[in-house]
Amino acid sequence: MPRDLIVEPDVPAQTRAYLRTLYSARFGQRLQRAVQRGRTLPAELGFARSLDFAQLANEQQARIRNLSHSLRRACQFLAQVTSQEQFRLLVAAYAEHALFWRAAGRSLGENFCLFAYQALNATGASWQAEIARLDGVSFGVAAARDDRTPWRSQLGLPHQLERSSGIIVESYRARECLLDAEGQLAASAPSTPETHTTRADYWVRIRSNGEHLQTEVVPC
């Protein structure tokens, strides 16, 4: 066998590693330490020896800003209940997570919201997590790619997904207060009985006919 075929790096693996380096600050820092200490690197990471790590940090920040801007524009509900910096930090953490590289959602937006739902719940921000789920399911139903919902298959949540005559409906029960006293989607987490309804169980139904998306939130 020709020697160049033996030593040739795995190009897809090299591409994945390079892309990960462009988005993940943590991975870039690990590579920098390895290069500085003269450690042996796998063939797919050989490019790291020629990296300008100061410039890499600037590139990573720019890419996270751009991705955050794009996702924030798409997440109509979550964008309303988080500051720009909170949202950017979520996106930066998403770029470090396995979900960023092994998509489980039906679209990029849903994939991000799957991560955001888990990350926000882990920090005790359960109300914001429910808002992320609302955005995520909306993305997924709009994508309409298959008859599975990752909220059930990946997270084990009791979502129901129905498809009939070109209509897709996904429904689930939310355990947080999603409506304000006027029956509109709340713009902030429940604080006092005067500004929010006290009921915390809501039935959420998101429906798509392939062209239009309809969201219905009603008390259980």
N, C-alpha and C. Protein backbone atom coordinates (compact mmCIF):
# COMPACT_ATOMS: atom_id res chain seq x y z
N MET A 1 0.85 -1.20 0.00
CA MET A 1 0.00 0.00 0.00
C MET A 1 0.88 1.25 0.00
N PRO A 2 0.59 2.24 -0.86
CA PRO A 2 1.38 3.47 -0.88
C PRO A 2 1.42 4.12 0.49
N ARG A 3 2.61 4.63 0.85
CA ARG A 3 2.76 5.19 2.19
C ARG A 3 1.90 6.42 2.41
N ASP A 4 1.63 7.20 1.33
CA ASP A 4 0.83 8.41 1.53
C ASP A 4 -0.60 8.09 1.93
N LEU A 5 -1.07 6.87 1.58
CA LEU A 5 -2.41 6.46 2.00
C LEU A 5 -2.42 6.01 3.46
N ILE A 6 -1.24 5.59 3.93
CA ILE A 6 -1.15 5.13 5.33
C ILE A 6 -1.15 6.32 6.28
N VAL A 7 -0.40 7.36 5.91
CA VAL A 7 -0.24 8.49 6.84
C VAL A 7 -1.23 9.62 6.57
N GLU A 8 -2.00 9.52 5.49
CA GLU A 8 -2.95 10.59 5.18
C GLU A 8 -3.97 10.74 6.31
N PRO A 9 -4.18 11.95 6.84
CA PRO A 9 -5.14 12.15 7.93
C PRO A 9 -6.57 11.91 7.48
N ASP A 10 -7.40 11.60 8.44
CA ASP A 10 -8.82 11.43 8.18
C ASP A 10 -9.41 12.81 7.92
N VAL A 11 -9.71 13.12 6.65
CA VAL A 11 -10.14 14.47 6.30
C VAL A 11 -11.44 14.88 7.00
N PRO A 12 -12.48 14.02 7.02
CA PRO A 12 -13.69 14.42 7.76
C PRO A 12 -13.40 14.69 9.23
N ALA A 13 -12.55 13.86 9.84
CA ALA A 13 -12.22 14.07 11.26
C ALA A 13 -11.47 15.38 11.43
N GLN A 14 -10.57 15.68 10.50
CA GLN A 14 -9.81 16.93 10.56
C GLN A 14 -10.74 18.14 10.40
N THR A 15 -11.70 18.02 9.50
CA THR A 15 -12.66 19.11 9.30
C THR A 15 -13.50 19.33 10.54
N ARG A 16 -13.97 18.24 11.14
CA ARG A 16 -14.77 18.37 12.37
C ARG A 16 -13.95 19.02 13.48
N ALA A 17 -12.70 18.59 13.61
CA ALA A 17 -11.84 19.15 14.66
C ALA A 17 -11.58 20.63 14.43
N TYR A 18 -11.38 21.00 13.16
CA TYR A 18 -11.11 22.41 12.84
C TYR A 18 -12.34 23.27 13.15
N LEU A 19 -13.52 22.78 12.77
CA LEU A 19 -14.74 23.53 13.05
C LEU A 19 -14.97 23.66 14.55
N ARG A 20 -14.68 22.57 15.26
CA ARG A 20 -14.85 22.63 16.71
C ARG A 20 -13.91 23.67 17.32
N THR A 21 -12.71 23.76 16.76
CA THR A 21 -11.75 24.74 17.24
C THR A 21 -12.25 26.17 17.01
N LEU A 22 -12.96 26.39 15.91
CA LEU A 22 -13.44 27.73 15.58
C LEU A 22 -14.59 28.19 16.48
N TYR A 23 -15.29 27.24 17.12
CA TYR A 23 -16.45 27.60 17.95
C TYR A 23 -16.23 27.39 19.44
N SER A 24 -15.41 26.40 19.80
CA SER A 24 -15.27 26.04 21.21
C SER A 24 -14.03 26.66 21.83
N ALA A 25 -14.23 27.62 22.72
CA ALA A 25 -13.11 28.25 23.42
C ALA A 25 -12.37 27.22 24.27
N ARG A 26 -13.12 26.34 24.90
CA ARG A 26 -12.51 25.33 25.77
C ARG A 26 -11.60 24.39 24.98
N PHE A 27 -12.07 23.95 23.81
CA PHE A 27 -11.28 23.06 22.98
C PHE A 27 -10.03 23.78 22.46
N GLY A 28 -10.20 25.04 22.07
CA GLY A 28 -9.06 25.82 21.61
C GLY A 28 -8.00 25.99 22.69
N GLN A 29 -8.42 26.20 23.92
CA GLN A 29 -7.49 26.35 25.03
C GLN A 29 -6.74 25.04 25.29
N ARG A 30 -7.43 23.92 25.17
CA ARG A 30 -6.77 22.63 25.34
C ARG A 30 -5.72 22.41 24.27
N LEU A 31 -6.05 22.77 23.04
CA LEU A 31 -5.08 22.65 21.95
C LEU A 31 -3.87 23.55 22.18
N GLN A 32 -4.12 24.75 22.63
CA GLN A 32 -3.02 25.68 22.87
C GLN A 32 -2.06 25.13 23.92
N ARG A 33 -2.60 24.58 25.02
CA ARG A 33 -1.75 24.02 26.06
C ARG A 33 -0.94 22.85 25.51
N ALA A 34 -1.58 22.01 24.68
CA ALA A 34 -0.89 20.85 24.12
C ALA A 34 0.26 21.29 23.21
N VAL A 35 0.04 22.31 22.40
CA VAL A 35 1.09 22.82 21.50
C VAL A 35 2.22 23.44 22.32
N GLN A 36 1.88 24.23 23.31
CA GLN A 36 2.89 24.90 24.13
C GLN A 36 3.76 23.90 24.89
N ARG A 37 3.17 22.77 25.26
CA ARG A 37 3.92 21.75 26.01
C ARG A 37 4.57 20.72 25.10
N GLY A 38 4.44 20.93 23.79
CA GLY A 38 5.10 20.04 22.85
C GLY A 38 4.55 18.63 22.82
N ARG A 39 3.31 18.48 23.13
CA ARG A 39 2.71 17.15 23.17
C ARG A 39 2.43 16.63 21.76
N THR A 40 2.45 15.30 21.63
CA THR A 40 2.13 14.68 20.36
C THR A 40 0.63 14.80 20.10
N LEU A 41 0.30 15.25 18.88
CA LEU A 41 -1.11 15.44 18.53
C LEU A 41 -1.54 14.41 17.50
N PRO A 42 -2.79 13.96 17.54
CA PRO A 42 -3.32 13.09 16.48
C PRO A 42 -3.22 13.79 15.13
N ALA A 43 -3.19 13.01 14.05
CA ALA A 43 -3.02 13.58 12.72
C ALA A 43 -4.08 14.63 12.40
N GLU A 44 -5.34 14.39 12.85
CA GLU A 44 -6.40 15.34 12.51
C GLU A 44 -6.27 16.67 13.25
N LEU A 45 -5.38 16.74 14.24
CA LEU A 45 -5.17 17.99 14.98
C LEU A 45 -3.84 18.65 14.63
N GLY A 46 -3.19 18.14 13.60
CA GLY A 46 -1.90 18.69 13.22
C GLY A 46 -1.94 20.16 12.86
N PHE A 47 -3.08 20.64 12.38
CA PHE A 47 -3.22 22.05 12.01
C PHE A 47 -2.99 22.98 13.18
N ALA A 48 -3.14 22.47 14.41
CA ALA A 48 -3.04 23.31 15.60
C ALA A 48 -1.66 23.94 15.75
N ARG A 49 -0.63 23.29 15.21
CA ARG A 49 0.73 23.79 15.37
C ARG A 49 0.96 25.09 14.60
N SER A 50 0.11 25.37 13.63
CA SER A 50 0.28 26.60 12.85
C SER A 50 -0.77 27.66 13.21
N LEU A 51 -1.54 27.43 14.26
CA LEU A 51 -2.59 28.38 14.64
C LEU A 51 -2.02 29.59 15.36
N ASP A 52 -2.61 30.73 15.09
CA ASP A 52 -2.37 31.94 15.88
C ASP A 52 -3.48 31.96 16.94
N PHE A 53 -3.15 31.56 18.15
CA PHE A 53 -4.19 31.37 19.16
C PHE A 53 -4.81 32.68 19.64
N ALA A 54 -4.07 33.77 19.55
CA ALA A 54 -4.67 35.06 19.90
C ALA A 54 -5.74 35.42 18.87
N GLN A 55 -5.44 35.20 17.59
CA GLN A 55 -6.42 35.46 16.55
C GLN A 55 -7.58 34.48 16.63
N LEU A 56 -7.27 33.24 17.03
CA LEU A 56 -8.32 32.23 17.17
C LEU A 56 -9.36 32.67 18.20
N ALA A 57 -8.92 33.24 19.31
CA ALA A 57 -9.85 33.69 20.34
C ALA A 57 -10.80 34.75 19.79
N ASN A 58 -10.26 35.66 18.97
CA ASN A 58 -11.11 36.69 18.36
C ASN A 58 -12.11 36.06 17.40
N GLU A 59 -11.65 35.07 16.64
CA GLU A 59 -12.53 34.39 15.69
C GLU A 59 -13.66 33.65 16.42
N GLN A 60 -13.32 32.99 17.52
CA GLN A 60 -14.34 32.28 18.30
C GLN A 60 -15.40 33.23 18.82
N GLN A 61 -14.97 34.36 19.36
CA GLN A 61 -15.91 35.33 19.90
C GLN A 61 -16.83 35.88 18.81
N ALA A 62 -16.25 36.14 17.64
CA ALA A 62 -17.06 36.66 16.53
C ALA A 62 -18.09 35.64 16.07
N ARG A 63 -17.70 34.38 16.00
CA ARG A 63 -18.62 33.35 15.56
C ARG A 63 -19.75 33.15 16.57
N ILE A 64 -19.44 33.20 17.85
CA ILE A 64 -20.48 33.07 18.87
C ILE A 64 -21.43 34.26 18.82
N ARG A 65 -20.90 35.46 18.61
CA ARG A 65 -21.76 36.64 18.49
C ARG A 65 -22.70 36.50 17.30
N ASN A 66 -22.17 36.06 16.17
CA ASN A 66 -23.00 35.92 14.97
C ASN A 66 -24.06 34.84 15.15
N LEU A 67 -23.68 33.71 15.74
CA LEU A 67 -24.64 32.63 15.98
C LEU A 67 -25.69 33.07 16.98
N SER A 68 -25.27 33.79 18.02
CA SER A 68 -26.22 34.29 19.02
C SER A 68 -27.21 35.25 18.38
N HIS A 69 -26.71 36.13 17.53
CA HIS A 69 -27.59 37.09 16.86
C HIS A 69 -28.62 36.36 15.99
N SER A 70 -28.18 35.35 15.26
CA SER A 70 -29.07 34.60 14.38
C SER A 70 -30.12 33.84 15.17
N LEU A 71 -29.69 33.14 16.21
CA LEU A 71 -30.63 32.35 17.01
C LEU A 71 -31.59 33.25 17.79
N ARG A 72 -31.09 34.37 18.27
CA ARG A 72 -31.95 35.28 19.04
C ARG A 72 -33.06 35.85 18.17
N ARG A 73 -32.74 36.15 16.92
CA ARG A 73 -33.78 36.63 16.01
C ARG A 73 -34.83 35.56 15.74
N ALA A 74 -34.41 34.30 15.75
CA ALA A 74 -35.33 33.21 15.46
C ALA A 74 -36.17 32.81 16.67
N CYS A 75 -35.60 32.90 17.87
CA CYS A 75 -36.30 32.47 19.10
C CYS A 75 -37.19 33.62 19.59
N GLN A 76 -38.38 33.71 19.04
CA GLN A 76 -39.23 34.86 19.34
C GLN A 76 -39.67 34.93 20.79
N PHE A 77 -39.83 33.79 21.45
CA PHE A 77 -40.27 33.79 22.85
C PHE A 77 -39.09 33.94 23.82
N LEU A 78 -38.06 33.10 23.65
CA LEU A 78 -36.92 33.13 24.56
C LEU A 78 -36.20 34.48 24.50
N ALA A 79 -36.17 35.09 23.32
CA ALA A 79 -35.50 36.39 23.18
C ALA A 79 -36.20 37.46 24.03
N GLN A 80 -37.50 37.29 24.26
CA GLN A 80 -38.25 38.28 25.03
C GLN A 80 -37.97 38.18 26.53
N VAL A 81 -37.51 37.03 26.99
CA VAL A 81 -37.38 36.83 28.43
C VAL A 81 -35.92 36.67 28.87
N THR A 82 -34.99 36.96 27.97
CA THR A 82 -33.56 36.95 28.32
C THR A 82 -32.91 38.21 27.77
N SER A 83 -31.87 38.67 28.46
CA SER A 83 -31.10 39.80 27.95
C SER A 83 -30.18 39.29 26.84
N GLN A 84 -29.62 40.21 26.07
CA GLN A 84 -28.69 39.80 25.01
C GLN A 84 -27.50 39.05 25.58
N GLU A 85 -27.00 39.48 26.73
CA GLU A 85 -25.84 38.81 27.33
C GLU A 85 -26.22 37.43 27.85
N GLN A 86 -27.37 37.29 28.49
CA GLN A 86 -27.81 35.97 28.93
C GLN A 86 -27.94 35.01 27.76
N PHE A 87 -28.48 35.51 26.68
CA PHE A 87 -28.67 34.68 25.49
C PHE A 87 -27.31 34.29 24.90
N ARG A 88 -26.39 35.25 24.82
CA ARG A 88 -25.06 34.97 24.27
C ARG A 88 -24.34 33.91 25.11
N LEU A 89 -24.47 33.99 26.42
CA LEU A 89 -23.83 33.00 27.29
C LEU A 89 -24.43 31.61 27.07
N LEU A 90 -25.73 31.56 26.82
CA LEU A 90 -26.37 30.28 26.50
C LEU A 90 -25.80 29.70 25.20
N VAL A 91 -25.63 30.55 24.20
CA VAL A 91 -25.10 30.10 22.92
C VAL A 91 -23.65 29.65 23.07
N ALA A 92 -22.86 30.39 23.85
CA ALA A 92 -21.47 30.00 24.08
C ALA A 92 -21.39 28.63 24.76
N ALA A 93 -22.28 28.40 25.72
CA ALA A 93 -22.30 27.09 26.40
C ALA A 93 -22.78 26.00 25.45
N TYR A 94 -23.71 26.34 24.58
CA TYR A 94 -24.20 25.39 23.58
C TYR A 94 -23.07 24.94 22.66
N ALA A 95 -22.18 25.85 22.29
CA ALA A 95 -21.06 25.52 21.41
C ALA A 95 -20.07 24.57 22.07
N GLU A 96 -20.14 24.46 23.39
CA GLU A 96 -19.26 23.54 24.12
C GLU A 96 -19.92 22.19 24.36
N HIS A 97 -21.20 22.08 24.03
CA HIS A 97 -21.98 20.89 24.38
C HIS A 97 -22.03 19.90 23.22
N ALA A 98 -22.22 18.61 23.57
CA ALA A 98 -22.29 17.57 22.54
C ALA A 98 -23.42 17.80 21.54
N LEU A 99 -24.52 18.41 21.99
CA LEU A 99 -25.65 18.65 21.09
C LEU A 99 -25.28 19.55 19.91
N PHE A 100 -24.27 20.40 20.10
CA PHE A 100 -23.85 21.30 19.03
C PHE A 100 -23.28 20.51 17.86
N TRP A 101 -22.70 19.34 18.16
CA TRP A 101 -22.04 18.53 17.13
C TRP A 101 -22.83 17.30 16.74
N ARG A 102 -23.73 16.86 17.61
CA ARG A 102 -24.56 15.68 17.30
C ARG A 102 -26.01 16.10 17.45
N ALA A 103 -26.55 16.66 16.39
CA ALA A 103 -27.89 17.25 16.45
C ALA A 103 -28.95 16.21 16.79
N ALA A 104 -29.84 16.58 17.72
CA ALA A 104 -30.98 15.73 18.07
C ALA A 104 -32.29 16.39 17.65
N GLY A 105 -32.27 17.69 17.42
CA GLY A 105 -33.48 18.41 17.05
C GLY A 105 -33.81 18.28 15.58
N ARG A 106 -35.02 18.68 15.23
CA ARG A 106 -35.48 18.62 13.85
C ARG A 106 -35.00 19.82 13.04
N SER A 107 -34.40 20.79 13.70
CA SER A 107 -33.84 21.96 13.05
C SER A 107 -32.77 22.52 13.98
N LEU A 108 -31.96 23.45 13.46
CA LEU A 108 -30.94 24.07 14.31
C LEU A 108 -31.57 24.78 15.49
N GLY A 109 -32.68 25.50 15.24
CA GLY A 109 -33.34 26.21 16.33
C GLY A 109 -33.82 25.28 17.42
N GLU A 110 -34.45 24.17 17.03
CA GLU A 110 -34.92 23.23 18.04
C GLU A 110 -33.75 22.59 18.77
N ASN A 111 -32.68 22.30 18.04
CA ASN A 111 -31.52 21.70 18.68
C ASN A 111 -30.96 22.61 19.77
N PHE A 112 -30.86 23.90 19.48
CA PHE A 112 -30.41 24.85 20.48
C PHE A 112 -31.36 24.90 21.66
N CYS A 113 -32.66 24.88 21.39
CA CYS A 113 -33.65 24.97 22.47
C CYS A 113 -33.65 23.71 23.35
N LEU A 114 -33.34 22.56 22.77
CA LEU A 114 -33.18 21.34 23.58
C LEU A 114 -32.07 21.56 24.60
N PHE A 115 -30.97 22.14 24.14
CA PHE A 115 -29.87 22.44 25.05
C PHE A 115 -30.29 23.49 26.08
N ALA A 116 -30.90 24.58 25.60
CA ALA A 116 -31.28 25.68 26.49
C ALA A 116 -32.25 25.21 27.57
N TYR A 117 -33.18 24.34 27.19
CA TYR A 117 -34.15 23.80 28.17
C TYR A 117 -33.42 23.10 29.31
N GLN A 118 -32.47 22.26 28.96
CA GLN A 118 -31.73 21.52 29.99
C GLN A 118 -30.82 22.44 30.81
N ALA A 119 -30.14 23.36 30.11
CA ALA A 119 -29.21 24.25 30.80
C ALA A 119 -29.94 25.20 31.76
N LEU A 120 -31.07 25.73 31.34
CA LEU A 120 -31.82 26.65 32.19
C LEU A 120 -32.42 25.92 33.39
N ASN A 121 -32.94 24.73 33.17
CA ASN A 121 -33.46 23.94 34.29
C ASN A 121 -32.36 23.63 35.30
N ALA A 122 -31.16 23.36 34.80
CA ALA A 122 -30.04 23.00 35.68
C ALA A 122 -29.63 24.16 36.58
N THR A 123 -29.93 25.39 36.16
CA THR A 123 -29.58 26.56 36.97
C THR A 123 -30.78 27.07 37.77
N GLY A 124 -31.88 26.34 37.75
CA GLY A 124 -33.06 26.74 38.50
C GLY A 124 -33.98 27.69 37.77
N ALA A 125 -33.67 28.01 36.52
CA ALA A 125 -34.50 28.93 35.73
C ALA A 125 -35.56 28.13 34.98
N SER A 126 -36.43 27.47 35.73
CA SER A 126 -37.39 26.55 35.12
C SER A 126 -38.44 27.26 34.26
N TRP A 127 -38.78 28.50 34.63
CA TRP A 127 -39.76 29.22 33.82
C TRP A 127 -39.18 29.57 32.45
N GLN A 128 -37.96 30.08 32.43
CA GLN A 128 -37.30 30.37 31.16
C GLN A 128 -37.09 29.09 30.35
N ALA A 129 -36.85 27.97 31.05
CA ALA A 129 -36.69 26.69 30.35
C ALA A 129 -37.97 26.33 29.60
N GLU A 130 -39.13 26.59 30.22
CA GLU A 130 -40.40 26.32 29.54
C GLU A 130 -40.58 27.21 28.31
N ILE A 131 -40.10 28.43 28.39
CA ILE A 131 -40.17 29.32 27.24
C ILE A 131 -39.28 28.80 26.12
N ALA A 132 -38.11 28.28 26.49
CA ALA A 132 -37.21 27.68 25.49
C ALA A 132 -37.88 26.47 24.84
N ARG A 133 -38.61 25.69 25.64
CA ARG A 133 -39.31 24.53 25.07
C ARG A 133 -40.38 24.98 24.09
N LEU A 134 -41.08 26.07 24.42
CA LEU A 134 -42.12 26.59 23.53
C LEU A 134 -41.52 26.97 22.17
N ASP A 135 -40.39 27.66 22.21
CA ASP A 135 -39.70 28.01 20.96
C ASP A 135 -39.23 26.75 20.24
N GLY A 136 -38.64 25.82 20.99
CA GLY A 136 -38.07 24.63 20.38
C GLY A 136 -39.09 23.76 19.66
N VAL A 137 -40.23 23.54 20.30
CA VAL A 137 -41.28 22.73 19.67
C VAL A 137 -41.82 23.44 18.44
N SER A 138 -41.90 24.77 18.51
CA SER A 138 -42.36 25.53 17.34
C SER A 138 -41.42 25.30 16.16
N PHE A 139 -40.11 25.34 16.41
CA PHE A 139 -39.14 25.06 15.35
C PHE A 139 -39.33 23.66 14.80
N GLY A 140 -39.49 22.70 15.72
CA GLY A 140 -39.59 21.31 15.30
C GLY A 140 -40.81 21.01 14.47
N VAL A 141 -41.95 21.52 14.91
CA VAL A 141 -43.20 21.30 14.17
C VAL A 141 -43.14 21.98 12.80
N ALA A 142 -42.54 23.15 12.75
CA ALA A 142 -42.41 23.86 11.47
C ALA A 142 -41.52 23.08 10.50
N ALA A 143 -40.49 22.40 11.03
CA ALA A 143 -39.59 21.62 10.17
C ALA A 143 -40.30 20.40 9.60
N ALA A 144 -41.17 19.77 10.40
CA ALA A 144 -42.04 18.67 9.95
C ALA A 144 -41.29 17.58 9.20
N ARG A 145 -40.18 17.14 9.76
CA ARG A 145 -39.35 16.17 9.04
C ARG A 145 -39.75 14.72 9.27
N ASP A 146 -40.23 14.40 10.45
CA ASP A 146 -40.59 13.01 10.71
C ASP A 146 -41.69 12.95 11.76
N ASP A 147 -42.00 11.74 12.19
CA ASP A 147 -43.08 11.55 13.16
C ASP A 147 -42.56 11.37 14.58
N ARG A 148 -41.35 11.80 14.83
CA ARG A 148 -40.78 11.70 16.17
C ARG A 148 -40.49 13.08 16.73
N THR A 149 -40.65 13.21 18.02
CA THR A 149 -40.30 14.47 18.68
C THR A 149 -39.12 14.21 19.62
N PRO A 150 -38.03 14.96 19.52
CA PRO A 150 -36.87 14.74 20.39
C PRO A 150 -37.16 15.06 21.85
N TRP A 151 -38.21 15.80 22.11
CA TRP A 151 -38.55 16.11 23.51
C TRP A 151 -38.98 14.84 24.23
N ARG A 152 -39.51 13.89 23.49
CA ARG A 152 -39.86 12.60 24.07
C ARG A 152 -38.71 11.61 23.93
N SER A 153 -38.14 11.50 22.71
CA SER A 153 -37.11 10.48 22.47
C SER A 153 -35.79 10.81 23.16
N GLN A 154 -35.45 12.10 23.27
CA GLN A 154 -34.17 12.48 23.88
C GLN A 154 -34.29 12.83 25.36
N LEU A 155 -35.36 13.51 25.73
CA LEU A 155 -35.50 13.99 27.11
C LEU A 155 -36.53 13.22 27.93
N GLY A 156 -37.30 12.35 27.27
CA GLY A 156 -38.27 11.53 27.99
C GLY A 156 -39.49 12.29 28.46
N LEU A 157 -39.77 13.44 27.84
CA LEU A 157 -40.95 14.22 28.24
C LEU A 157 -42.19 13.69 27.50
N PRO A 158 -43.35 13.69 28.17
CA PRO A 158 -44.56 13.10 27.59
C PRO A 158 -45.23 13.99 26.53
N HIS A 159 -44.54 14.19 25.43
CA HIS A 159 -45.13 14.96 24.32
C HIS A 159 -45.98 14.05 23.44
N GLN A 160 -47.00 14.61 22.85
CA GLN A 160 -47.83 13.88 21.89
C GLN A 160 -47.68 14.52 20.52
N LEU A 161 -47.44 13.70 19.52
CA LEU A 161 -47.26 14.19 18.16
C LEU A 161 -48.25 13.48 17.24
N GLU A 162 -49.04 14.27 16.53
CA GLU A 162 -50.05 13.71 15.62
C GLU A 162 -49.86 14.31 14.23
N ARG A 163 -50.06 13.47 13.22
CA ARG A 163 -49.97 13.92 11.84
C ARG A 163 -51.18 13.37 11.09
N SER A 164 -51.91 14.25 10.43
CA SER A 164 -53.09 13.81 9.68
C SER A 164 -53.40 14.80 8.57
N SER A 165 -53.54 14.30 7.34
CA SER A 165 -53.91 15.12 6.18
C SER A 165 -53.05 16.37 6.04
N GLY A 166 -51.75 16.20 6.24
CA GLY A 166 -50.84 17.32 6.08
C GLY A 166 -50.76 18.25 7.27
N ILE A 167 -51.52 17.95 8.34
CA ILE A 167 -51.50 18.76 9.56
C ILE A 167 -50.66 18.07 10.62
N ILE A 168 -49.76 18.79 11.23
CA ILE A 168 -48.94 18.26 12.33
C ILE A 168 -49.28 19.02 13.60
N VAL A 169 -49.55 18.29 14.66
CA VAL A 169 -49.86 18.90 15.95
C VAL A 169 -49.00 18.24 17.02
N GLU A 170 -48.25 19.04 17.75
CA GLU A 170 -47.50 18.53 18.90
C GLU A 170 -48.05 19.21 20.15
N SER A 171 -48.32 18.42 21.16
CA SER A 171 -48.92 18.97 22.38
C SER A 171 -48.21 18.41 23.61
N TYR A 172 -48.23 19.19 24.68
CA TYR A 172 -47.60 18.78 25.93
C TYR A 172 -48.13 19.64 27.07
N ARG A 173 -47.87 19.20 28.28
CA ARG A 173 -48.30 19.95 29.46
C ARG A 173 -47.10 20.70 30.04
N ALA A 174 -47.24 22.00 30.18
CA ALA A 174 -46.21 22.84 30.79
C ALA A 174 -46.53 23.02 32.27
N ARG A 175 -45.51 22.93 33.10
CA ARG A 175 -45.70 23.03 34.55
C ARG A 175 -45.43 24.42 35.10
N GLU A 176 -45.18 25.37 34.22
CA GLU A 176 -44.90 26.73 34.67
C GLU A 176 -46.02 27.66 34.20
N CYS A 177 -46.14 28.79 34.87
CA CYS A 177 -47.17 29.78 34.54
C CYS A 177 -46.77 30.52 33.27
N LEU A 178 -47.46 30.25 32.17
CA LEU A 178 -47.10 30.84 30.89
C LEU A 178 -47.94 32.04 30.49
N LEU A 179 -49.08 32.23 31.17
CA LEU A 179 -49.97 33.33 30.82
C LEU A 179 -50.02 34.38 31.92
N ASP A 180 -50.19 35.64 31.52
CA ASP A 180 -50.34 36.70 32.51
C ASP A 180 -51.82 36.87 32.87
N ALA A 181 -52.11 37.87 33.66
CA ALA A 181 -53.48 38.05 34.14
C ALA A 181 -54.48 38.34 33.02
N GLU A 182 -54.00 38.85 31.89
CA GLU A 182 -54.87 39.14 30.75
C GLU A 182 -55.00 37.96 29.80
N GLY A 183 -54.35 36.82 30.15
CA GLY A 183 -54.43 35.66 29.30
C GLY A 183 -53.45 35.66 28.14
N GLN A 184 -52.50 36.61 28.16
CA GLN A 184 -51.47 36.68 27.13
C GLN A 184 -50.21 35.96 27.60
N LEU A 185 -49.36 35.57 26.65
CA LEU A 185 -48.11 34.93 27.03
C LEU A 185 -47.31 35.87 27.92
N ALA A 186 -46.94 35.41 29.09
CA ALA A 186 -46.24 36.24 30.07
C ALA A 186 -44.88 36.68 29.53
N ALA A 187 -44.51 37.93 29.82
CA ALA A 187 -43.23 38.47 29.35
C ALA A 187 -42.14 38.34 30.41
N SER A 188 -42.52 37.87 31.60
CA SER A 188 -41.53 37.68 32.67
C SER A 188 -42.01 36.56 33.57
N ALA A 189 -41.10 36.06 34.39
CA ALA A 189 -41.44 34.96 35.29
C ALA A 189 -42.46 35.42 36.32
N PRO A 190 -43.32 34.50 36.80
CA PRO A 190 -44.32 34.86 37.81
C PRO A 190 -43.67 35.50 39.02
N SER A 191 -44.27 36.58 39.49
CA SER A 191 -43.72 37.27 40.66
C SER A 191 -44.77 37.42 41.74
N THR A 192 -45.91 38.06 41.39
CA THR A 192 -46.97 38.27 42.37
C THR A 192 -48.30 37.86 41.77
N PRO A 193 -49.25 37.46 42.60
CA PRO A 193 -50.58 37.09 42.11
C PRO A 193 -51.27 38.20 41.35
N GLU A 194 -50.89 39.47 41.63
CA GLU A 194 -51.55 40.59 40.97
C GLU A 194 -51.17 40.68 39.48
N THR A 195 -50.00 40.19 39.13
CA THR A 195 -49.54 40.35 37.75
C THR A 195 -49.58 39.06 36.95
N HIS A 196 -49.76 37.92 37.61
CA HIS A 196 -49.80 36.66 36.90
C HIS A 196 -50.87 35.76 37.47
N THR A 197 -51.38 34.89 36.64
CA THR A 197 -52.33 33.90 37.12
C THR A 197 -51.60 32.94 38.03
N THR A 198 -52.34 32.33 38.97
CA THR A 198 -51.70 31.44 39.93
C THR A 198 -51.63 30.01 39.42
N ARG A 199 -52.43 29.69 38.42
CA ARG A 199 -52.42 28.33 37.89
C ARG A 199 -51.12 28.08 37.14
N ALA A 200 -50.49 26.92 37.35
CA ALA A 200 -49.18 26.65 36.76
C ALA A 200 -49.19 25.49 35.78
N ASP A 201 -50.36 24.94 35.49
CA ASP A 201 -50.43 23.84 34.52
C ASP A 201 -51.14 24.33 33.25
N TYR A 202 -50.43 24.20 32.12
CA TYR A 202 -50.98 24.67 30.85
C TYR A 202 -50.83 23.60 29.78
N TRP A 203 -51.83 23.49 28.96
CA TRP A 203 -51.78 22.57 27.83
C TRP A 203 -51.34 23.38 26.61
N VAL A 204 -50.22 22.99 26.03
CA VAL A 204 -49.65 23.69 24.89
C VAL A 204 -49.86 22.85 23.63
N ARG A 205 -50.42 23.46 22.61
CA ARG A 205 -50.63 22.79 21.32
C ARG A 205 -50.03 23.66 20.22
N ILE A 206 -49.14 23.07 19.45
CA ILE A 206 -48.52 23.79 18.33
C ILE A 206 -48.85 23.05 17.05
N ARG A 207 -49.45 23.76 16.13
CA ARG A 207 -50.03 23.15 14.93
C ARG A 207 -49.43 23.78 13.67
N SER A 208 -49.13 22.94 12.67
CA SER A 208 -48.61 23.43 11.40
C SER A 208 -49.29 22.71 10.24
N ASN A 209 -49.63 23.49 9.21
CA ASN A 209 -50.16 22.89 7.98
C ASN A 209 -49.13 22.94 6.85
N GLY A 210 -47.87 23.21 7.22
CA GLY A 210 -46.81 23.29 6.24
C GLY A 210 -46.51 24.71 5.79
N GLU A 211 -47.46 25.61 6.04
CA GLU A 211 -47.28 27.01 5.66
C GLU A 211 -47.41 27.95 6.86
N HIS A 212 -48.36 27.65 7.75
CA HIS A 212 -48.61 28.51 8.89
C HIS A 212 -48.48 27.72 10.19
N LEU A 213 -47.99 28.44 11.21
CA LEU A 213 -47.81 27.83 12.53
C LEU A 213 -48.76 28.49 13.49
N GLN A 214 -49.46 27.69 14.30
CA GLN A 214 -50.42 28.22 15.28
C GLN A 214 -50.07 27.67 16.65
N THR A 215 -49.98 28.56 17.63
CA THR A 215 -49.65 28.17 19.00
C THR A 215 -50.83 28.47 19.91
N GLU A 216 -51.21 27.49 20.69
CA GLU A 216 -52.32 27.63 21.63
C GLU A 216 -51.86 27.23 23.03
N VAL A 217 -52.05 28.12 23.98
CA VAL A 217 -51.69 27.85 25.38
C VAL A 217 -52.94 28.08 26.22
N VAL A 218 -53.43 27.03 26.88
CA VAL A 218 -54.64 27.15 27.68
C VAL A 218 -54.43 26.48 29.04
N PRO A 219 -55.03 27.01 30.10
CA PRO A 219 -54.94 26.35 31.41
C PRO A 219 -55.53 24.95 31.34
N CYS A 220 -54.93 24.03 32.07
CA CYS A 220 -55.43 22.65 32.11
C CYS A 220 -56.67 22.58 33.00
